[in-house]
Amino acid sequence: MDISQYLPRFLQGLGLSLQITVVSVLAGFVLGLLLALMTMSRTRWLTWPGIAIVELGRGTPALVMLYIVYFGLPAVQIMLDNTIAAMIALTTTTGAYAAEMIRAGLQSVPRGQVEAAHALGLEPRTVLGRVVIPQGMRSAIPSLMGLAIQMFQATSLAYSIAVPELMSAAYQVGNATFQYLTVFLFAGLIYAAVSVPTTWATVWIERRMNRNYA
């Protein structure tokens, strides 16, 4: 079997997987920041909904979230394209996990710096935006990069709702050739070719940041 003849199909699926990953991760990080701020709020009507969303998002498997968005929402007259549904579901999952990582990063900011900013007469909103969030997000970067890798791998679940991503392309090629072992090993190598270098980059960035902090 000459698998190279199917390479364009694999690359097309990889392109869609990366597109879903980028949208889901970027939107998920923004959602995660908002949820982190909600859970840290002293206002109960913000704190408890934030905690509930985070815990439900972390406790619900990504595949179940995909099914809820794609198959469940039509029950309330919300019809979504399968690719859009995958992006929304993975954004929700990303946001829930990112919220805890970002919250830990925000809480790692030295209390003395926050008190010093308040002593200088800065407003709480300015302290949050200029002191806490920049440093907290910097501390959370390695963990968030690891989460991004996991979400890239999680895009393989989208084939279950007929999204033509990498796993779906592999399944179609397998059906056409009946060489499932070869096809899925090749798909696994493609996933690894993206994930492994990104993991190395994450480790390098984490070491570099630790050295800078030291």
C-alpha atoms as a PDB file:
ATOM      1  CA  MET A   1       0.000   0.000   0.000  1.00  0.00           C
ATOM      2  CA  ASP A   2       1.373   3.365  -1.066  1.00  0.00           C
ATOM      3  CA  ILE A   3      -0.018   5.638   1.627  1.00  0.00           C
ATOM      4  CA  SER A   4       1.620   8.695   0.070  1.00  0.00           C
ATOM      5  CA  GLN A   5      -1.186   8.895  -2.498  1.00  0.00           C
ATOM      6  CA  TYR A   6      -3.571   9.664   0.356  1.00  0.00           C
ATOM      7  CA  LEU A   7      -1.290  12.288   1.883  1.00  0.00           C
ATOM      8  CA  PRO A   8      -3.312  15.271   0.555  1.00  0.00           C
ATOM      9  CA  ARG A   9      -6.395  13.923   2.322  1.00  0.00           C
ATOM     10  CA  PHE A  10      -4.462  13.523   5.573  1.00  0.00           C
ATOM     11  CA  LEU A  11      -3.028  17.027   5.259  1.00  0.00           C
ATOM     12  CA  GLN A  12      -6.467  18.460   4.577  1.00  0.00           C
ATOM     13  CA  GLY A  13      -7.781  16.769   7.705  1.00  0.00           C
ATOM     14  CA  LEU A  14      -4.759  17.999   9.683  1.00  0.00           C
ATOM     15  CA  GLY A  15      -5.436  21.543   8.515  1.00  0.00           C
ATOM     16  CA  LEU A  16      -8.992  21.412   9.837  1.00  0.00           C
ATOM     17  CA  SER A  17      -7.790  19.852  13.111  1.00  0.00           C
ATOM     18  CA  LEU A  18      -5.339  22.714  13.578  1.00  0.00           C
ATOM     19  CA  GLN A  19      -8.018  25.260  12.715  1.00  0.00           C
ATOM     20  CA  ILE A  20     -10.389  23.800  15.319  1.00  0.00           C
ATOM     21  CA  THR A  21      -7.536  23.728  17.839  1.00  0.00           C
ATOM     22  CA  VAL A  22      -6.545  27.371  17.325  1.00  0.00           C
ATOM     23  CA  VAL A  23     -10.109  28.664  17.602  1.00  0.00           C
ATOM     24  CA  SER A  24     -10.982  26.462  20.574  1.00  0.00           C
ATOM     25  CA  VAL A  25      -7.773  27.205  22.465  1.00  0.00           C
ATOM     26  CA  LEU A  26      -7.805  30.980  21.967  1.00  0.00           C
ATOM     27  CA  ALA A  27     -11.501  31.300  22.782  1.00  0.00           C
ATOM     28  CA  GLY A  28     -11.103  28.804  25.633  1.00  0.00           C
ATOM     29  CA  PHE A  29      -8.277  30.797  27.208  1.00  0.00           C
ATOM     30  CA  VAL A  30     -10.402  33.957  27.143  1.00  0.00           C
ATOM     31  CA  LEU A  31     -13.294  32.016  28.658  1.00  0.00           C
ATOM     32  CA  GLY A  32     -10.901  30.511  31.207  1.00  0.00           C
ATOM     33  CA  LEU A  33      -9.703  33.957  32.289  1.00  0.00           C
ATOM     34  CA  LEU A  34     -13.283  35.159  32.745  1.00  0.00           C
ATOM     35  CA  LEU A  35     -14.179  32.040  34.732  1.00  0.00           C
ATOM     36  CA  ALA A  36     -11.045  32.379  36.859  1.00  0.00           C
ATOM     37  CA  LEU A  37     -11.950  35.962  37.717  1.00  0.00           C
ATOM     38  CA  MET A  38     -15.501  34.868  38.526  1.00  0.00           C
ATOM     39  CA  THR A  39     -14.342  32.115  40.885  1.00  0.00           C
ATOM     40  CA  MET A  40     -11.989  34.554  42.621  1.00  0.00           C
ATOM     41  CA  SER A  41     -14.622  37.241  42.963  1.00  0.00           C
ATOM     42  CA  ARG A  42     -15.891  38.239  46.392  1.00  0.00           C
ATOM     43  CA  THR A  43     -19.388  38.549  44.941  1.00  0.00           C
ATOM     44  CA  ARG A  44     -21.322  35.338  45.464  1.00  0.00           C
ATOM     45  CA  TRP A  45     -23.561  35.734  42.416  1.00  0.00           C
ATOM     46  CA  LEU A  46     -20.379  35.639  40.318  1.00  0.00           C
ATOM     47  CA  THR A  47     -18.393  33.109  42.353  1.00  0.00           C
ATOM     48  CA  TRP A  48     -20.903  30.264  42.524  1.00  0.00           C
ATOM     49  CA  PRO A  49     -21.933  30.295  38.828  1.00  0.00           C
ATOM     50  CA  GLY A  50     -18.231  30.402  37.909  1.00  0.00           C
ATOM     51  CA  ILE A  51     -17.448  27.425  40.136  1.00  0.00           C
ATOM     52  CA  ALA A  52     -20.430  25.510  38.770  1.00  0.00           C
ATOM     53  CA  ILE A  53     -19.406  26.082  35.143  1.00  0.00           C
ATOM     54  CA  VAL A  54     -15.795  25.091  35.835  1.00  0.00           C
ATOM     55  CA  GLU A  55     -16.710  21.925  37.719  1.00  0.00           C
ATOM     56  CA  LEU A  56     -19.303  20.846  35.151  1.00  0.00           C
ATOM     57  CA  GLY A  57     -16.907  21.577  32.279  1.00  0.00           C
ATOM     58  CA  ARG A  58     -14.087  19.609  33.896  1.00  0.00           C
ATOM     59  CA  GLY A  59     -16.366  16.787  34.975  1.00  0.00           C
ATOM     60  CA  THR A  60     -17.977  16.268  31.564  1.00  0.00           C
ATOM     61  CA  PRO A  61     -15.915  14.280  29.023  1.00  0.00           C
ATOM     62  CA  ALA A  62     -15.119  16.165  25.831  1.00  0.00           C
ATOM     63  CA  LEU A  63     -16.993  13.565  23.763  1.00  0.00           C
ATOM     64  CA  VAL A  64     -20.145  14.044  25.844  1.00  0.00           C
ATOM     65  CA  MET A  65     -19.787  17.812  25.461  1.00  0.00           C
ATOM     66  CA  LEU A  66     -19.590  17.338  21.681  1.00  0.00           C
ATOM     67  CA  TYR A  67     -22.804  15.320  21.716  1.00  0.00           C
ATOM     68  CA  ILE A  68     -24.571  17.856  23.950  1.00  0.00           C
ATOM     69  CA  VAL A  69     -23.736  20.716  21.598  1.00  0.00           C
ATOM     70  CA  TYR A  70     -24.311  18.898  18.290  1.00  0.00           C
ATOM     71  CA  PHE A  71     -27.166  16.507  19.109  1.00  0.00           C
ATOM     72  CA  GLY A  72     -28.640  18.163  22.204  1.00  0.00           C
ATOM     73  CA  LEU A  73     -29.002  21.810  21.236  1.00  0.00           C
ATOM     74  CA  PRO A  74     -31.377  21.101  18.301  1.00  0.00           C
ATOM     75  CA  ALA A  75     -33.915  20.158  21.001  1.00  0.00           C
ATOM     76  CA  VAL A  76     -34.061  23.877  21.879  1.00  0.00           C
ATOM     77  CA  GLN A  77     -34.057  24.936  18.218  1.00  0.00           C
ATOM     78  CA  ILE A  78     -30.325  25.670  18.025  1.00  0.00           C
ATOM     79  CA  MET A  79     -28.905  24.077  14.894  1.00  0.00           C
ATOM     80  CA  LEU A  80     -25.136  24.225  14.389  1.00  0.00           C
ATOM     81  CA  ASP A  81     -22.747  23.145  11.672  1.00  0.00           C
ATOM     82  CA  ASN A  82     -20.705  20.165  12.858  1.00  0.00           C
ATOM     83  CA  THR A  83     -17.395  22.055  12.703  1.00  0.00           C
ATOM     84  CA  ILE A  84     -18.847  25.006  14.630  1.00  0.00           C
ATOM     85  CA  ALA A  85     -20.315  22.573  17.163  1.00  0.00           C
ATOM     86  CA  ALA A  86     -16.889  20.969  17.641  1.00  0.00           C
ATOM     87  CA  MET A  87     -15.297  24.384  18.188  1.00  0.00           C
ATOM     88  CA  ILE A  88     -17.922  25.375  20.768  1.00  0.00           C
ATOM     89  CA  ALA A  89     -17.688  22.081  22.651  1.00  0.00           C
ATOM     90  CA  LEU A  90     -13.888  22.092  22.783  1.00  0.00           C
ATOM     91  CA  THR A  91     -13.879  25.780  23.721  1.00  0.00           C
ATOM     92  CA  THR A  92     -16.102  24.967  26.695  1.00  0.00           C
ATOM     93  CA  THR A  93     -13.853  22.120  27.779  1.00  0.00           C
ATOM     94  CA  THR A  94     -10.717  24.211  27.285  1.00  0.00           C
ATOM     95  CA  GLY A  95     -12.195  27.114  29.216  1.00  0.00           C
ATOM     96  CA  ALA A  96     -13.099  24.948  32.198  1.00  0.00           C
ATOM     97  CA  TYR A  97      -9.607  23.474  32.521  1.00  0.00           C
ATOM     98  CA  ALA A  98      -7.859  26.747  31.691  1.00  0.00           C
ATOM     99  CA  ALA A  99      -9.814  28.514  34.435  1.00  0.00           C
ATOM    100  CA  GLU A 100      -8.120  26.485  37.168  1.00  0.00           C
ATOM    101  CA  MET A 101      -4.675  26.944  35.609  1.00  0.00           C
ATOM    102  CA  ILE A 102      -5.155  30.686  35.251  1.00  0.00           C
ATOM    103  CA  ARG A 103      -6.593  30.990  38.759  1.00  0.00           C
ATOM    104  CA  ALA A 104      -3.495  29.277  40.156  1.00  0.00           C
ATOM    105  CA  GLY A 105      -1.321  31.664  38.143  1.00  0.00           C
ATOM    106  CA  LEU A 106      -3.190  34.734  39.399  1.00  0.00           C
ATOM    107  CA  GLN A 107      -2.964  33.550  42.989  1.00  0.00           C
ATOM    108  CA  SER A 108       0.790  33.022  42.615  1.00  0.00           C
ATOM    109  CA  VAL A 109       1.371  36.772  42.232  1.00  0.00           C
ATOM    110  CA  PRO A 110       3.107  37.949  45.435  1.00  0.00           C
ATOM    111  CA  ARG A 111       0.681  39.599  47.790  1.00  0.00           C
ATOM    112  CA  GLY A 112       3.228  42.298  48.541  1.00  0.00           C
ATOM    113  CA  GLN A 113       3.100  43.555  44.952  1.00  0.00           C
ATOM    114  CA  VAL A 114      -0.674  43.861  45.095  1.00  0.00           C
ATOM    115  CA  GLU A 115      -0.521  45.720  48.407  1.00  0.00           C
ATOM    116  CA  ALA A 116       2.193  48.013  47.042  1.00  0.00           C
ATOM    117  CA  ALA A 117       0.042  48.835  44.018  1.00  0.00           C
ATOM    118  CA  HIS A 118      -2.886  49.695  46.262  1.00  0.00           C
ATOM    119  CA  ALA A 119      -0.576  51.796  48.458  1.00  0.00           C
ATOM    120  CA  LEU A 120       0.356  53.823  45.371  1.00  0.00           C
ATOM    121  CA  GLY A 121      -3.292  54.728  44.978  1.00  0.00           C
ATOM    122  CA  LEU A 122      -4.059  52.531  41.982  1.00  0.00           C
ATOM    123  CA  GLU A 123      -7.677  51.520  41.484  1.00  0.00           C
ATOM    124  CA  PRO A 124      -8.538  47.812  41.963  1.00  0.00           C
ATOM    125  CA  ARG A 125      -9.333  47.513  38.246  1.00  0.00           C
ATOM    126  CA  THR A 126      -5.917  48.916  37.342  1.00  0.00           C
ATOM    127  CA  VAL A 127      -4.144  46.638  39.828  1.00  0.00           C
ATOM    128  CA  LEU A 128      -5.904  43.640  38.322  1.00  0.00           C
ATOM    129  CA  GLY A 129      -5.204  44.600  34.717  1.00  0.00           C
ATOM    130  CA  ARG A 130      -1.668  45.944  35.110  1.00  0.00           C
ATOM    131  CA  VAL A 131      -0.206  43.881  37.966  1.00  0.00           C
ATOM    132  CA  VAL A 132      -2.091  40.653  38.653  1.00  0.00           C
ATOM    133  CA  ILE A 133      -3.259  39.425  35.237  1.00  0.00           C
ATOM    134  CA  PRO A 134       0.029  39.980  33.313  1.00  0.00           C
ATOM    135  CA  GLN A 135       2.125  38.173  35.923  1.00  0.00           C
ATOM    136  CA  GLY A 136      -0.476  35.506  36.592  1.00  0.00           C
ATOM    137  CA  MET A 137      -0.896  34.687  32.906  1.00  0.00           C
ATOM    138  CA  ARG A 138       2.867  34.478  32.520  1.00  0.00           C
ATOM    139  CA  SER A 139       3.024  31.893  35.301  1.00  0.00           C
ATOM    140  CA  ALA A 140       0.210  29.910  33.679  1.00  0.00           C
ATOM    141  CA  ILE A 141       1.771  29.789  30.196  1.00  0.00           C
ATOM    142  CA  PRO A 142       3.477  26.356  30.496  1.00  0.00           C
ATOM    143  CA  SER A 143       0.314  24.716  31.817  1.00  0.00           C
ATOM    144  CA  LEU A 144      -1.812  26.397  29.156  1.00  0.00           C
ATOM    145  CA  MET A 145       0.519  25.226  26.412  1.00  0.00           C
ATOM    146  CA  GLY A 146       0.207  21.672  27.713  1.00  0.00           C
ATOM    147  CA  LEU A 147      -3.572  22.067  27.654  1.00  0.00           C
ATOM    148  CA  ALA A 148      -3.407  23.298  24.050  1.00  0.00           C
ATOM    149  CA  ILE A 149      -1.593  20.094  23.069  1.00  0.00           C
ATOM    150  CA  GLN A 150      -4.282  18.011  24.761  1.00  0.00           C
ATOM    151  CA  MET A 151      -6.995  19.923  22.912  1.00  0.00           C
ATOM    152  CA  PHE A 152      -5.250  19.309  19.587  1.00  0.00           C
ATOM    153  CA  GLN A 153      -5.340  15.606  20.340  1.00  0.00           C
ATOM    154  CA  ALA A 154      -8.967  15.910  21.471  1.00  0.00           C
ATOM    155  CA  THR A 155      -9.968  17.142  18.003  1.00  0.00           C
ATOM    156  CA  SER A 156      -9.811  13.462  17.003  1.00  0.00           C
ATOM    157  CA  LEU A 157     -13.127  13.068  18.854  1.00  0.00           C
ATOM    158  CA  ALA A 158     -14.810  15.358  16.331  1.00  0.00           C
ATOM    159  CA  TYR A 159     -14.936  12.551  13.769  1.00  0.00           C
ATOM    160  CA  SER A 160     -17.836  11.178  15.832  1.00  0.00           C
ATOM    161  CA  ILE A 161     -20.011  14.068  14.603  1.00  0.00           C
ATOM    162  CA  ALA A 162     -18.732  13.779  11.015  1.00  0.00           C
ATOM    163  CA  VAL A 163     -16.213  16.639  11.119  1.00  0.00           C
ATOM    164  CA  PRO A 164     -13.705  15.926   8.298  1.00  0.00           C
ATOM    165  CA  GLU A 165     -10.626  16.357  10.486  1.00  0.00           C
ATOM    166  CA  LEU A 166      -7.514  14.165  10.597  1.00  0.00           C
ATOM    167  CA  MET A 167      -9.071  11.164  12.355  1.00  0.00           C
ATOM    168  CA  SER A 168     -12.033  11.230   9.993  1.00  0.00           C
ATOM    169  CA  ALA A 169      -9.670  11.302   7.012  1.00  0.00           C
ATOM    170  CA  ALA A 170      -7.794   8.303   8.429  1.00  0.00           C
ATOM    171  CA  TYR A 171     -11.043   6.414   8.915  1.00  0.00           C
ATOM    172  CA  GLN A 172     -12.112   7.106   5.317  1.00  0.00           C
ATOM    173  CA  VAL A 173      -8.766   5.949   3.952  1.00  0.00           C
ATOM    174  CA  GLY A 174      -8.992   2.840   6.123  1.00  0.00           C
ATOM    175  CA  ASN A 175     -12.434   2.061   4.735  1.00  0.00           C
ATOM    176  CA  ALA A 176     -11.120   2.468   1.190  1.00  0.00           C
ATOM    177  CA  THR A 177      -7.980   0.340   1.613  1.00  0.00           C
ATOM    178  CA  PHE A 178      -8.834  -1.970   4.540  1.00  0.00           C
ATOM    179  CA  GLN A 179      -5.284  -1.310   5.779  1.00  0.00           C
ATOM    180  CA  TYR A 180      -6.460   0.027   9.115  1.00  0.00           C
ATOM    181  CA  LEU A 181      -3.279  -0.694  11.037  1.00  0.00           C
ATOM    182  CA  THR A 182      -1.075   1.156   8.542  1.00  0.00           C
ATOM    183  CA  VAL A 183      -3.522   4.031   8.172  1.00  0.00           C
ATOM    184  CA  PHE A 184      -4.047   4.653  11.883  1.00  0.00           C
ATOM    185  CA  LEU A 185      -0.336   4.308  12.629  1.00  0.00           C
ATOM    186  CA  PHE A 186       0.322   6.946   9.997  1.00  0.00           C
ATOM    187  CA  ALA A 187      -2.350   9.196  11.514  1.00  0.00           C
ATOM    188  CA  GLY A 188      -0.762   8.672  14.926  1.00  0.00           C
ATOM    189  CA  LEU A 189       2.605   9.725  13.528  1.00  0.00           C
ATOM    190  CA  ILE A 190       1.051  12.918  12.185  1.00  0.00           C
ATOM    191  CA  TYR A 191      -0.458  13.708  15.589  1.00  0.00           C
ATOM    192  CA  ALA A 192       2.922  12.989  17.206  1.00  0.00           C
ATOM    193  CA  ALA A 193       4.754  15.142  14.640  1.00  0.00           C
ATOM    194  CA  VAL A 194       2.729  18.120  15.876  1.00  0.00           C
ATOM    195  CA  SER A 195       2.428  17.245  19.561  1.00  0.00           C
ATOM    196  CA  VAL A 196       5.977  16.132  20.397  1.00  0.00           C
ATOM    197  CA  PRO A 197       7.837  19.252  19.158  1.00  0.00           C
ATOM    198  CA  THR A 198       5.220  21.424  20.838  1.00  0.00           C
ATOM    199  CA  THR A 199       5.768  19.516  24.083  1.00  0.00           C
ATOM    200  CA  TRP A 200       9.514  20.097  23.784  1.00  0.00           C
ATOM    201  CA  ALA A 201       8.849  23.793  23.203  1.00  0.00           C
ATOM    202  CA  THR A 202       6.664  23.871  26.317  1.00  0.00           C
ATOM    203  CA  VAL A 203       9.424  22.310  28.435  1.00  0.00           C
ATOM    204  CA  TRP A 204      11.984  24.770  27.030  1.00  0.00           C
ATOM    205  CA  ILE A 205       9.745  27.757  27.734  1.00  0.00           C
ATOM    206  CA  GLU A 206       9.054  26.535  31.267  1.00  0.00           C
ATOM    207  CA  ARG A 207      12.783  26.121  31.993  1.00  0.00           C
ATOM    208  CA  ARG A 208      13.520  29.526  30.490  1.00  0.00           C
ATOM    209  CA  MET A 209      10.840  31.160  32.615  1.00  0.00           C
ATOM    210  CA  ASN A 210      12.041  29.405  35.768  1.00  0.00           C
ATOM    211  CA  ARG A 211      15.565  30.608  35.059  1.00  0.00           C
ATOM    212  CA  ASN A 212      14.317  34.162  34.595  1.00  0.00           C
ATOM    213  CA  TYR A 213      12.375  34.001  37.861  1.00  0.00           C
ATOM    214  CA  ALA A 214      15.453  32.692  39.649  1.00  0.00           C
END
